[in-house]
Amino acid sequence: MVGAILHINGFSTVHFSPISNHSRTNLAPPKPPMLVRTTQPHPYWASLNSDIEAYLKKAIPMKEPLIVFEPMHHLTFAAPRTTIPALCLMACELVGGDRHQAMAAASALLLLNAATYTHEHLPLIDNRGLKPKLKPMIHHAYDPNIELLTGDGIIPFAFELLARSQDPAHNSSSHILRAIIEISRVMGSKGVIDGQYKKKLASQTIGGELCHVERIKRVVEKNEAALHACGAACGAILGGGSEEEIERLRKYGFHVGMIQGLVQNGLREETKWISNLALKELEIFLGRSRNVDAISAFIHA
């Protein structure tokens, strides 16, 4: 029941008719499988986020010199929470890996999110172009120069954390290198940096409603969508997933990020068809993992 072929940020995707939301009693029913939409946070998420936080608190201890580690610790945990790190760990476990294999990558993604947020919301940055409801509610505990330099320091630390996470027992060096490349690409000039530039242009450009929606979509593609795609792909890579599994989860992450970014910008109506595309990417995992329902809940995170 193909409706249309769509092209989003290089992904060729198929728009299928809506998937039923009736409950399943078995992961592998005799009839064609269906995924369940859920709006309730899954308890599985809590354990993932708790493990990530514990890992980072150990990686960024409060020690001398406090002028370095205190701001780094504060800004890492003061930034708004993101679902990207948990998605990374879920993807790892979904392909048969153990969460510790992707813990450094998930933590690195959280650190990079914190650094980006810190840089975007320095007191000296002009946020007048943002909608009132999107303006940051943040308490600046440090002077702008300290926050700027700390954000700069968090970025290389994130990559160091990932680079040093090699596990000889799993011969993971090639997987870690690939994850570093994935993260470097999404954070670079053709990823988040490009998204920040597009966001600035969107805030300064006057146009009709349709133009406004398209501009927001382009910004979301480079930010939330690309980052969630990266997180899911890195988790699958580090968990030893096949190329098909990696690409399926990359596309799933992209759709999840699009949904979250559009909803945050007041465009919930634009997300209905994307939910169907996202769920379609998970169908190959039905009957193979008990975590399919948990990861599908990211659509409504």
C-alpha atoms as a PDB file:
ATOM      1  CA  MET A   1       0.000   0.000   0.000  1.00  0.00           C
ATOM      2  CA  VAL A   2       2.544   2.474  -1.105  1.00  0.00           C
ATOM      3  CA  GLY A   3       1.411   6.081  -1.039  1.00  0.00           C
ATOM      4  CA  ALA A   4       4.474   7.972  -2.202  1.00  0.00           C
ATOM      5  CA  ILE A   5       8.229   7.934  -2.380  1.00  0.00           C
ATOM      6  CA  LEU A   6       9.742  10.738  -0.325  1.00  0.00           C
ATOM      7  CA  HIS A   7      13.299  12.031  -0.172  1.00  0.00           C
ATOM      8  CA  ILE A   8      14.440  13.533   3.112  1.00  0.00           C
ATOM      9  CA  ASN A   9      18.060  14.542   3.661  1.00  0.00           C
ATOM     10  CA  GLY A  10      19.304  11.875   1.296  1.00  0.00           C
ATOM     11  CA  PHE A  11      17.017   9.126   2.571  1.00  0.00           C
ATOM     12  CA  SER A  12      14.580   7.518   0.139  1.00  0.00           C
ATOM     13  CA  THR A  13      11.558   6.596   2.186  1.00  0.00           C
ATOM     14  CA  VAL A  14       8.162   5.114   1.493  1.00  0.00           C
ATOM     15  CA  HIS A  15       4.942   6.575   2.888  1.00  0.00           C
ATOM     16  CA  PHE A  16       2.759   3.651   3.946  1.00  0.00           C
ATOM     17  CA  SER A  17      -0.813   3.768   5.115  1.00  0.00           C
ATOM     18  CA  PRO A  18      -1.271   4.181   8.875  1.00  0.00           C
ATOM     19  CA  ILE A  19      -0.244   1.242  11.028  1.00  0.00           C
ATOM     20  CA  SER A  20      -2.805  -0.056  13.476  1.00  0.00           C
ATOM     21  CA  ASN A  21      -2.243   0.773  17.120  1.00  0.00           C
ATOM     22  CA  HIS A  22      -4.044  -2.279  18.496  1.00  0.00           C
ATOM     23  CA  SER A  23      -2.050  -4.073  21.170  1.00  0.00           C
ATOM     24  CA  ARG A  24       0.092  -7.078  20.297  1.00  0.00           C
ATOM     25  CA  THR A  25       0.248 -10.089  22.575  1.00  0.00           C
ATOM     26  CA  ASN A  26       3.176 -11.727  20.794  1.00  0.00           C
ATOM     27  CA  LEU A  27       6.284 -10.314  19.134  1.00  0.00           C
ATOM     28  CA  ALA A  28       6.010 -12.772  16.259  1.00  0.00           C
ATOM     29  CA  PRO A  29       2.343 -13.355  15.393  1.00  0.00           C
ATOM     30  CA  PRO A  30       1.411 -15.553  12.449  1.00  0.00           C
ATOM     31  CA  LYS A  31      -0.064 -12.570  10.622  1.00  0.00           C
ATOM     32  CA  PRO A  32       2.091  -9.720   9.248  1.00  0.00           C
ATOM     33  CA  PRO A  33       3.625  -7.915  12.256  1.00  0.00           C
ATOM     34  CA  MET A  34       2.536  -4.511  13.437  1.00  0.00           C
ATOM     35  CA  LEU A  35       4.190  -2.099  15.832  1.00  0.00           C
ATOM     36  CA  VAL A  36       2.386  -0.467  18.718  1.00  0.00           C
ATOM     37  CA  ARG A  37       2.432   3.269  19.271  1.00  0.00           C
ATOM     38  CA  THR A  38       2.691   4.225  22.921  1.00  0.00           C
ATOM     39  CA  THR A  39       2.676   7.604  24.623  1.00  0.00           C
ATOM     40  CA  GLN A  40       3.901   6.335  28.005  1.00  0.00           C
ATOM     41  CA  PRO A  41       7.631   6.626  28.836  1.00  0.00           C
ATOM     42  CA  HIS A  42       9.145   3.159  29.048  1.00  0.00           C
ATOM     43  CA  PRO A  43      10.793   2.246  32.391  1.00  0.00           C
ATOM     44  CA  TYR A  44      13.709   0.863  30.378  1.00  0.00           C
ATOM     45  CA  TRP A  45      14.685   4.462  29.583  1.00  0.00           C
ATOM     46  CA  ALA A  46      15.244   5.273  33.251  1.00  0.00           C
ATOM     47  CA  SER A  47      17.923   2.621  33.641  1.00  0.00           C
ATOM     48  CA  LEU A  48      19.695   3.809  30.484  1.00  0.00           C
ATOM     49  CA  ASN A  49      19.735   7.454  31.560  1.00  0.00           C
ATOM     50  CA  SER A  50      20.848   6.491  35.059  1.00  0.00           C
ATOM     51  CA  ASP A  51      23.783   4.498  33.673  1.00  0.00           C
ATOM     52  CA  ILE A  52      24.816   7.351  31.363  1.00  0.00           C
ATOM     53  CA  GLU A  53      24.711   9.867  34.216  1.00  0.00           C
ATOM     54  CA  ALA A  54      26.756   7.592  36.493  1.00  0.00           C
ATOM     55  CA  TYR A  55      29.320   7.044  33.729  1.00  0.00           C
ATOM     56  CA  LEU A  56      29.707  10.781  33.131  1.00  0.00           C
ATOM     57  CA  LYS A  57      29.949  11.659  36.824  1.00  0.00           C
ATOM     58  CA  LYS A  58      32.810   9.194  37.069  1.00  0.00           C
ATOM     59  CA  ALA A  59      34.417  10.595  33.902  1.00  0.00           C
ATOM     60  CA  ILE A  60      34.117  14.219  35.089  1.00  0.00           C
ATOM     61  CA  PRO A  61      34.960  14.099  38.801  1.00  0.00           C
ATOM     62  CA  MET A  62      34.987  17.195  40.967  1.00  0.00           C
ATOM     63  CA  LYS A  63      38.738  17.524  41.415  1.00  0.00           C
ATOM     64  CA  GLU A  64      41.502  20.082  41.164  1.00  0.00           C
ATOM     65  CA  PRO A  65      41.790  22.376  39.359  1.00  0.00           C
ATOM     66  CA  LEU A  66      38.193  23.206  40.247  1.00  0.00           C
ATOM     67  CA  ILE A  67      38.233  26.163  37.865  1.00  0.00           C
ATOM     68  CA  VAL A  68      38.295  23.574  35.050  1.00  0.00           C
ATOM     69  CA  PHE A  69      36.292  20.620  36.335  1.00  0.00           C
ATOM     70  CA  GLU A  70      33.558  22.437  38.248  1.00  0.00           C
ATOM     71  CA  PRO A  71      32.217  24.378  35.211  1.00  0.00           C
ATOM     72  CA  MET A  72      32.577  21.288  32.993  1.00  0.00           C
ATOM     73  CA  HIS A  73      30.594  19.184  35.453  1.00  0.00           C
ATOM     74  CA  HIS A  74      27.945  21.893  35.906  1.00  0.00           C
ATOM     75  CA  LEU A  75      27.411  22.675  32.209  1.00  0.00           C
ATOM     76  CA  THR A  76      27.267  18.991  31.257  1.00  0.00           C
ATOM     77  CA  PHE A  77      24.332  18.339  33.571  1.00  0.00           C
ATOM     78  CA  ALA A  78      22.691  21.782  33.330  1.00  0.00           C
ATOM     79  CA  ALA A  79      21.885  21.438  29.623  1.00  0.00           C
ATOM     80  CA  PRO A  80      18.352  20.215  28.798  1.00  0.00           C
ATOM     81  CA  ARG A  81      18.109  16.453  28.561  1.00  0.00           C
ATOM     82  CA  THR A  82      18.105  14.865  25.131  1.00  0.00           C
ATOM     83  CA  THR A  83      16.926  11.411  24.035  1.00  0.00           C
ATOM     84  CA  ILE A  84      19.945  10.923  21.745  1.00  0.00           C
ATOM     85  CA  PRO A  85      22.207   9.093  24.269  1.00  0.00           C
ATOM     86  CA  ALA A  86      19.451   6.690  25.374  1.00  0.00           C
ATOM     87  CA  LEU A  87      18.597   5.996  21.727  1.00  0.00           C
ATOM     88  CA  CYS A  88      22.258   5.137  21.139  1.00  0.00           C
ATOM     89  CA  LEU A  89      22.241   2.536  23.932  1.00  0.00           C
ATOM     90  CA  MET A  90      18.869   1.125  22.873  1.00  0.00           C
ATOM     91  CA  ALA A  91      20.085   0.677  19.300  1.00  0.00           C
ATOM     92  CA  CYS A  92      23.146  -1.160  20.585  1.00  0.00           C
ATOM     93  CA  GLU A  93      21.042  -3.589  22.598  1.00  0.00           C
ATOM     94  CA  LEU A  94      18.482  -3.955  19.817  1.00  0.00           C
ATOM     95  CA  VAL A  95      21.128  -5.460  17.491  1.00  0.00           C
ATOM     96  CA  GLY A  96      22.342  -7.846  20.195  1.00  0.00           C
ATOM     97  CA  GLY A  97      25.061  -5.788  21.857  1.00  0.00           C
ATOM     98  CA  ASP A  98      25.542  -4.878  25.500  1.00  0.00           C
ATOM     99  CA  ARG A  99      24.925  -1.293  26.560  1.00  0.00           C
ATOM    100  CA  HIS A 100      28.459  -0.882  27.933  1.00  0.00           C
ATOM    101  CA  GLN A 101      29.772  -1.243  24.364  1.00  0.00           C
ATOM    102  CA  ALA A 102      28.058   2.035  23.417  1.00  0.00           C
ATOM    103  CA  MET A 103      28.233   3.825  26.784  1.00  0.00           C
ATOM    104  CA  ALA A 104      31.194   6.031  25.807  1.00  0.00           C
ATOM    105  CA  ALA A 105      29.517   7.007  22.526  1.00  0.00           C
ATOM    106  CA  ALA A 106      26.232   7.814  24.269  1.00  0.00           C
ATOM    107  CA  SER A 107      28.110   9.898  26.837  1.00  0.00           C
ATOM    108  CA  ALA A 108      30.089  11.668  24.113  1.00  0.00           C
ATOM    109  CA  LEU A 109      26.845  12.596  22.374  1.00  0.00           C
ATOM    110  CA  LEU A 110      25.460  14.011  25.623  1.00  0.00           C
ATOM    111  CA  LEU A 111      28.660  16.026  26.131  1.00  0.00           C
ATOM    112  CA  LEU A 112      28.524  17.418  22.601  1.00  0.00           C
ATOM    113  CA  ASN A 113      24.874  18.335  23.061  1.00  0.00           C
ATOM    114  CA  ALA A 114      25.820  20.176  26.270  1.00  0.00           C
ATOM    115  CA  ALA A 115      28.681  22.014  24.540  1.00  0.00           C
ATOM    116  CA  THR A 116      26.447  23.038  21.637  1.00  0.00           C
ATOM    117  CA  TYR A 117      23.705  24.229  23.984  1.00  0.00           C
ATOM    118  CA  THR A 118      26.234  26.196  26.041  1.00  0.00           C
ATOM    119  CA  HIS A 119      27.630  27.941  22.969  1.00  0.00           C
ATOM    120  CA  GLU A 120      24.162  28.724  21.587  1.00  0.00           C
ATOM    121  CA  HIS A 121      22.975  30.272  24.847  1.00  0.00           C
ATOM    122  CA  LEU A 122      25.894  32.373  25.992  1.00  0.00           C
ATOM    123  CA  PRO A 123      24.647  35.628  27.574  1.00  0.00           C
ATOM    124  CA  LEU A 124      26.309  37.614  24.782  1.00  0.00           C
ATOM    125  CA  ILE A 125      24.464  35.748  21.992  1.00  0.00           C
ATOM    126  CA  ASP A 126      21.462  37.521  20.477  1.00  0.00           C
ATOM    127  CA  ASN A 127      18.423  35.250  20.804  1.00  0.00           C
ATOM    128  CA  ARG A 128      15.861  37.879  19.845  1.00  0.00           C
ATOM    129  CA  GLY A 129      14.989  35.961  16.676  1.00  0.00           C
ATOM    130  CA  LEU A 130      13.702  32.978  18.629  1.00  0.00           C
ATOM    131  CA  LYS A 131      10.024  32.533  19.361  1.00  0.00           C
ATOM    132  CA  PRO A 132       9.241  33.512  22.980  1.00  0.00           C
ATOM    133  CA  LYS A 133       8.432  29.928  23.954  1.00  0.00           C
ATOM    134  CA  LEU A 134      11.749  28.728  22.527  1.00  0.00           C
ATOM    135  CA  LYS A 135      13.938  31.222  24.360  1.00  0.00           C
ATOM    136  CA  PRO A 136      16.193  29.407  26.824  1.00  0.00           C
ATOM    137  CA  MET A 137      15.361  29.268  30.494  1.00  0.00           C
ATOM    138  CA  ILE A 138      18.897  28.892  31.791  1.00  0.00           C
ATOM    139  CA  HIS A 139      20.726  30.140  34.844  1.00  0.00           C
ATOM    140  CA  HIS A 140      24.238  31.278  33.977  1.00  0.00           C
ATOM    141  CA  ALA A 141      26.385  30.223  36.919  1.00  0.00           C
ATOM    142  CA  TYR A 142      29.606  31.417  35.293  1.00  0.00           C
ATOM    143  CA  ASP A 143      30.864  34.398  33.336  1.00  0.00           C
ATOM    144  CA  PRO A 144      30.463  34.184  29.536  1.00  0.00           C
ATOM    145  CA  ASN A 145      34.199  33.690  28.992  1.00  0.00           C
ATOM    146  CA  ILE A 146      34.236  30.687  31.349  1.00  0.00           C
ATOM    147  CA  GLU A 147      31.178  29.140  29.675  1.00  0.00           C
ATOM    148  CA  LEU A 148      32.671  29.697  26.219  1.00  0.00           C
ATOM    149  CA  LEU A 149      36.019  28.113  27.117  1.00  0.00           C
ATOM    150  CA  THR A 150      34.388  25.255  29.015  1.00  0.00           C
ATOM    151  CA  GLY A 151      32.189  24.458  26.021  1.00  0.00           C
ATOM    152  CA  ASP A 152      35.324  24.452  23.881  1.00  0.00           C
ATOM    153  CA  GLY A 153      36.956  22.031  26.324  1.00  0.00           C
ATOM    154  CA  ILE A 154      33.996  19.662  26.475  1.00  0.00           C
ATOM    155  CA  ILE A 155      34.155  18.944  22.724  1.00  0.00           C
ATOM    156  CA  PRO A 156      37.636  17.334  22.569  1.00  0.00           C
ATOM    157  CA  PHE A 157      36.976  15.616  25.898  1.00  0.00           C
ATOM    158  CA  ALA A 158      33.942  13.903  24.355  1.00  0.00           C
ATOM    159  CA  PHE A 159      36.038  12.479  21.531  1.00  0.00           C
ATOM    160  CA  GLU A 160      38.799  11.458  23.956  1.00  0.00           C
ATOM    161  CA  LEU A 161      36.247   9.587  26.055  1.00  0.00           C
ATOM    162  CA  LEU A 162      35.096   7.646  23.007  1.00  0.00           C
ATOM    163  CA  ALA A 163      38.594   7.021  21.621  1.00  0.00           C
ATOM    164  CA  ARG A 164      39.783   5.554  24.930  1.00  0.00           C
ATOM    165  CA  SER A 165      36.850   3.164  25.256  1.00  0.00           C
ATOM    166  CA  GLN A 166      38.331   0.335  23.180  1.00  0.00           C
ATOM    167  CA  ASP A 167      37.533  -3.076  24.613  1.00  0.00           C
ATOM    168  CA  PRO A 168      40.157  -5.708  23.649  1.00  0.00           C
ATOM    169  CA  ALA A 169      37.676  -8.480  24.462  1.00  0.00           C
ATOM    170  CA  HIS A 170      35.374  -7.278  21.668  1.00  0.00           C
ATOM    171  CA  ASN A 171      38.091  -6.131  19.219  1.00  0.00           C
ATOM    172  CA  SER A 172      36.144  -2.893  18.951  1.00  0.00           C
ATOM    173  CA  SER A 173      38.736  -0.480  17.527  1.00  0.00           C
ATOM    174  CA  SER A 174      37.241  -0.411  14.016  1.00  0.00           C
ATOM    175  CA  HIS A 175      33.746   0.135  15.411  1.00  0.00           C
ATOM    176  CA  ILE A 176      34.944   2.973  17.635  1.00  0.00           C
ATOM    177  CA  LEU A 177      36.768   4.631  14.733  1.00  0.00           C
ATOM    178  CA  ARG A 178      33.613   4.423  12.642  1.00  0.00           C
ATOM    179  CA  ALA A 179      31.560   5.952  15.467  1.00  0.00           C
ATOM    180  CA  ILE A 180      34.074   8.800  15.801  1.00  0.00           C
ATOM    181  CA  ILE A 181      33.741   9.500  12.075  1.00  0.00           C
ATOM    182  CA  GLU A 182      29.934   9.440  12.326  1.00  0.00           C
ATOM    183  CA  ILE A 183      29.914  11.911  15.217  1.00  0.00           C
ATOM    184  CA  SER A 184      32.565  14.170  13.663  1.00  0.00           C
ATOM    185  CA  ARG A 185      30.546  14.393  10.468  1.00  0.00           C
ATOM    186  CA  VAL A 186      27.243  15.216  12.157  1.00  0.00           C
ATOM    187  CA  MET A 187      28.824  17.877  14.376  1.00  0.00           C
ATOM    188  CA  GLY A 188      30.763  19.511  11.529  1.00  0.00           C
ATOM    189  CA  SER A 189      30.257  22.130   8.851  1.00  0.00           C
ATOM    190  CA  LYS A 190      27.718  20.032   6.930  1.00  0.00           C
ATOM    191  CA  GLY A 191      25.815  18.999  10.047  1.00  0.00           C
ATOM    192  CA  VAL A 192      25.040  20.890  13.245  1.00  0.00           C
ATOM    193  CA  ILE A 193      27.110  23.936  12.259  1.00  0.00           C
ATOM    194  CA  ASP A 194      25.149  24.193   9.013  1.00  0.00           C
ATOM    195  CA  GLY A 195      21.948  23.782  11.027  1.00  0.00           C
ATOM    196  CA  GLN A 196      22.919  26.643  13.328  1.00  0.00           C
ATOM    197  CA  TYR A 197      23.580  28.840  10.299  1.00  0.00           C
ATOM    198  CA  LYS A 198      20.203  27.911   8.790  1.00  0.00           C
ATOM    199  CA  LYS A 199      18.522  28.649  12.130  1.00  0.00           C
ATOM    200  CA  LYS A 200      20.049  32.112  12.159  1.00  0.00           C
ATOM    201  CA  LEU A 201      18.892  32.765   8.593  1.00  0.00           C
ATOM    202  CA  ALA A 202      15.395  31.493   9.392  1.00  0.00           C
ATOM    203  CA  SER A 203      15.099  33.912  12.304  1.00  0.00           C
ATOM    204  CA  GLN A 204      16.019  36.872  10.081  1.00  0.00           C
ATOM    205  CA  THR A 205      14.058  36.029   6.928  1.00  0.00           C
ATOM    206  CA  ILE A 206      10.560  37.296   6.235  1.00  0.00           C
ATOM    207  CA  GLY A 207       8.232  35.057   4.235  1.00  0.00           C
ATOM    208  CA  GLY A 208       4.866  33.330   4.099  1.00  0.00           C
ATOM    209  CA  GLU A 209       3.755  30.495   6.352  1.00  0.00           C
ATOM    210  CA  LEU A 210       4.751  27.803   3.834  1.00  0.00           C
ATOM    211  CA  CYS A 211       8.252  29.243   3.520  1.00  0.00           C
ATOM    212  CA  HIS A 212       8.501  29.397   7.305  1.00  0.00           C
ATOM    213  CA  VAL A 213       7.585  25.709   7.672  1.00  0.00           C
ATOM    214  CA  GLU A 214      10.108  24.667   5.021  1.00  0.00           C
ATOM    215  CA  ARG A 215      12.856  26.668   6.716  1.00  0.00           C
ATOM    216  CA  ILE A 216      12.112  25.016  10.048  1.00  0.00           C
ATOM    217  CA  LYS A 217      12.221  21.583   8.410  1.00  0.00           C
ATOM    218  CA  ARG A 218      15.656  22.307   6.951  1.00  0.00           C
ATOM    219  CA  VAL A 219      16.928  23.426  10.357  1.00  0.00           C
ATOM    220  CA  VAL A 220      15.506  20.331  12.084  1.00  0.00           C
ATOM    221  CA  GLU A 221      17.023  18.020   9.459  1.00  0.00           C
ATOM    222  CA  LYS A 222      20.512  19.297  10.284  1.00  0.00           C
ATOM    223  CA  ASN A 223      20.030  19.354  14.049  1.00  0.00           C
ATOM    224  CA  GLU A 224      17.612  17.054  15.869  1.00  0.00           C
ATOM    225  CA  ALA A 225      17.114  14.652  12.951  1.00  0.00           C
ATOM    226  CA  ALA A 226      20.788  14.283  12.046  1.00  0.00           C
ATOM    227  CA  LEU A 227      21.855  13.913  15.688  1.00  0.00           C
ATOM    228  CA  HIS A 228      19.273  11.222  16.456  1.00  0.00           C
ATOM    229  CA  ALA A 229      20.227   9.413  13.243  1.00  0.00           C
ATOM    230  CA  CYS A 230      23.864   9.535  14.318  1.00  0.00           C
ATOM    231  CA  GLY A 231      23.084   8.289  17.823  1.00  0.00           C
ATOM    232  CA  ALA A 232      21.073   5.322  16.570  1.00  0.00           C
ATOM    233  CA  ALA A 233      23.664   4.436  13.920  1.00  0.00           C
ATOM    234  CA  CYS A 234      26.546   4.626  16.419  1.00  0.00           C
ATOM    235  CA  GLY A 235      24.701   2.346  18.829  1.00  0.00           C
ATOM    236  CA  ALA A 236      24.069  -0.211  16.088  1.00  0.00           C
ATOM    237  CA  ILE A 237      27.687  -0.015  14.888  1.00  0.00           C
ATOM    238  CA  LEU A 238      29.130  -0.512  18.371  1.00  0.00           C
ATOM    239  CA  GLY A 239      26.660  -3.311  19.076  1.00  0.00           C
ATOM    240  CA  GLY A 240      27.929  -5.235  16.050  1.00  0.00           C
ATOM    241  CA  GLY A 241      24.839  -4.753  13.905  1.00  0.00           C
ATOM    242  CA  SER A 242      24.704  -5.654  10.223  1.00  0.00           C
ATOM    243  CA  GLU A 243      24.804  -2.926   7.593  1.00  0.00           C
ATOM    244  CA  GLU A 244      21.054  -3.301   7.065  1.00  0.00           C
ATOM    245  CA  GLU A 245      20.398  -2.957  10.800  1.00  0.00           C
ATOM    246  CA  ILE A 246      22.654   0.094  11.029  1.00  0.00           C
ATOM    247  CA  GLU A 247      20.923   1.851   8.142  1.00  0.00           C
ATOM    248  CA  ARG A 248      17.445   0.925   9.374  1.00  0.00           C
ATOM    249  CA  LEU A 249      18.209   2.396  12.783  1.00  0.00           C
ATOM    250  CA  ARG A 250      19.870   5.431  11.234  1.00  0.00           C
ATOM    251  CA  LYS A 251      16.658   6.154   9.307  1.00  0.00           C
ATOM    252  CA  TYR A 252      14.573   5.454  12.395  1.00  0.00           C
ATOM    253  CA  GLY A 253      16.662   7.922  14.398  1.00  0.00           C
ATOM    254  CA  PHE A 254      16.332  10.515  11.648  1.00  0.00           C
ATOM    255  CA  HIS A 255      12.537  10.238  11.691  1.00  0.00           C
ATOM    256  CA  VAL A 256      12.457  10.419  15.507  1.00  0.00           C
ATOM    257  CA  GLY A 257      14.570  13.574  15.440  1.00  0.00           C
ATOM    258  CA  MET A 258      12.346  15.124  12.780  1.00  0.00           C
ATOM    259  CA  ILE A 259       9.269  14.427  14.884  1.00  0.00           C
ATOM    260  CA  GLN A 260      10.790  15.892  18.032  1.00  0.00           C
ATOM    261  CA  GLY A 261      12.161  18.968  16.263  1.00  0.00           C
ATOM    262  CA  LEU A 262       8.917  19.732  14.456  1.00  0.00           C
ATOM    263  CA  VAL A 263       6.825  19.276  17.609  1.00  0.00           C
ATOM    264  CA  GLN A 264       9.133  21.630  19.514  1.00  0.00           C
ATOM    265  CA  ASN A 265       8.515  24.221  16.803  1.00  0.00           C
ATOM    266  CA  GLY A 266       4.737  23.868  16.977  1.00  0.00           C
ATOM    267  CA  LEU A 267       4.382  21.749  13.818  1.00  0.00           C
ATOM    268  CA  ARG A 268       2.850  18.571  15.251  1.00  0.00           C
ATOM    269  CA  GLU A 269       0.513  18.194  12.256  1.00  0.00           C
ATOM    270  CA  GLU A 270       3.565  17.767  10.019  1.00  0.00           C
ATOM    271  CA  THR A 271       4.680  14.658  11.945  1.00  0.00           C
ATOM    272  CA  LYS A 272       1.800  12.212  11.468  1.00  0.00           C
ATOM    273  CA  TRP A 273       3.130  10.593   8.304  1.00  0.00           C
ATOM    274  CA  ILE A 274       6.700  10.541   9.687  1.00  0.00           C
ATOM    275  CA  SER A 275       5.590   8.296  12.570  1.00  0.00           C
ATOM    276  CA  ASN A 276       4.518   5.627  10.080  1.00  0.00           C
ATOM    277  CA  LEU A 277       7.882   5.803   8.317  1.00  0.00           C
ATOM    278  CA  ALA A 278       9.741   5.479  11.610  1.00  0.00           C
ATOM    279  CA  LEU A 279       7.763   2.419  12.721  1.00  0.00           C
ATOM    280  CA  LYS A 280       8.320   0.772   9.345  1.00  0.00           C
ATOM    281  CA  GLU A 281      12.099   0.827   9.917  1.00  0.00           C
ATOM    282  CA  LEU A 282      11.709  -1.280  13.079  1.00  0.00           C
ATOM    283  CA  GLU A 283       9.726  -4.125  11.551  1.00  0.00           C
ATOM    284  CA  ILE A 284      12.838  -6.199  10.782  1.00  0.00           C
ATOM    285  CA  PHE A 285      13.512  -6.419  14.530  1.00  0.00           C
ATOM    286  CA  LEU A 286      10.113  -7.853  15.473  1.00  0.00           C
ATOM    287  CA  GLY A 287      10.447 -11.257  17.106  1.00  0.00           C
ATOM    288  CA  ARG A 288      14.198 -10.782  17.546  1.00  0.00           C
ATOM    289  CA  SER A 289      14.319  -8.398  20.506  1.00  0.00           C
ATOM    290  CA  ARG A 290      12.129  -7.627  23.499  1.00  0.00           C
ATOM    291  CA  ASN A 291      13.189  -3.963  23.265  1.00  0.00           C
ATOM    292  CA  VAL A 292      11.304  -3.117  20.063  1.00  0.00           C
ATOM    293  CA  ASP A 293       8.349  -1.605  21.920  1.00  0.00           C
ATOM    294  CA  ALA A 294      10.684   0.425  24.124  1.00  0.00           C
ATOM    295  CA  ILE A 295      12.620   1.957  21.244  1.00  0.00           C
ATOM    296  CA  SER A 296       9.423   2.639  19.291  1.00  0.00           C
ATOM    297  CA  ALA A 297       8.267   4.853  22.178  1.00  0.00           C
ATOM    298  CA  PHE A 298      10.871   7.445  21.142  1.00  0.00           C
ATOM    299  CA  ILE A 299       8.372   8.581  18.524  1.00  0.00           C
ATOM    300  CA  HIS A 300       6.363  10.173  21.326  1.00  0.00           C
ATOM    301  CA  ALA A 301       9.268  11.133  23.614  1.00  0.00           C
END
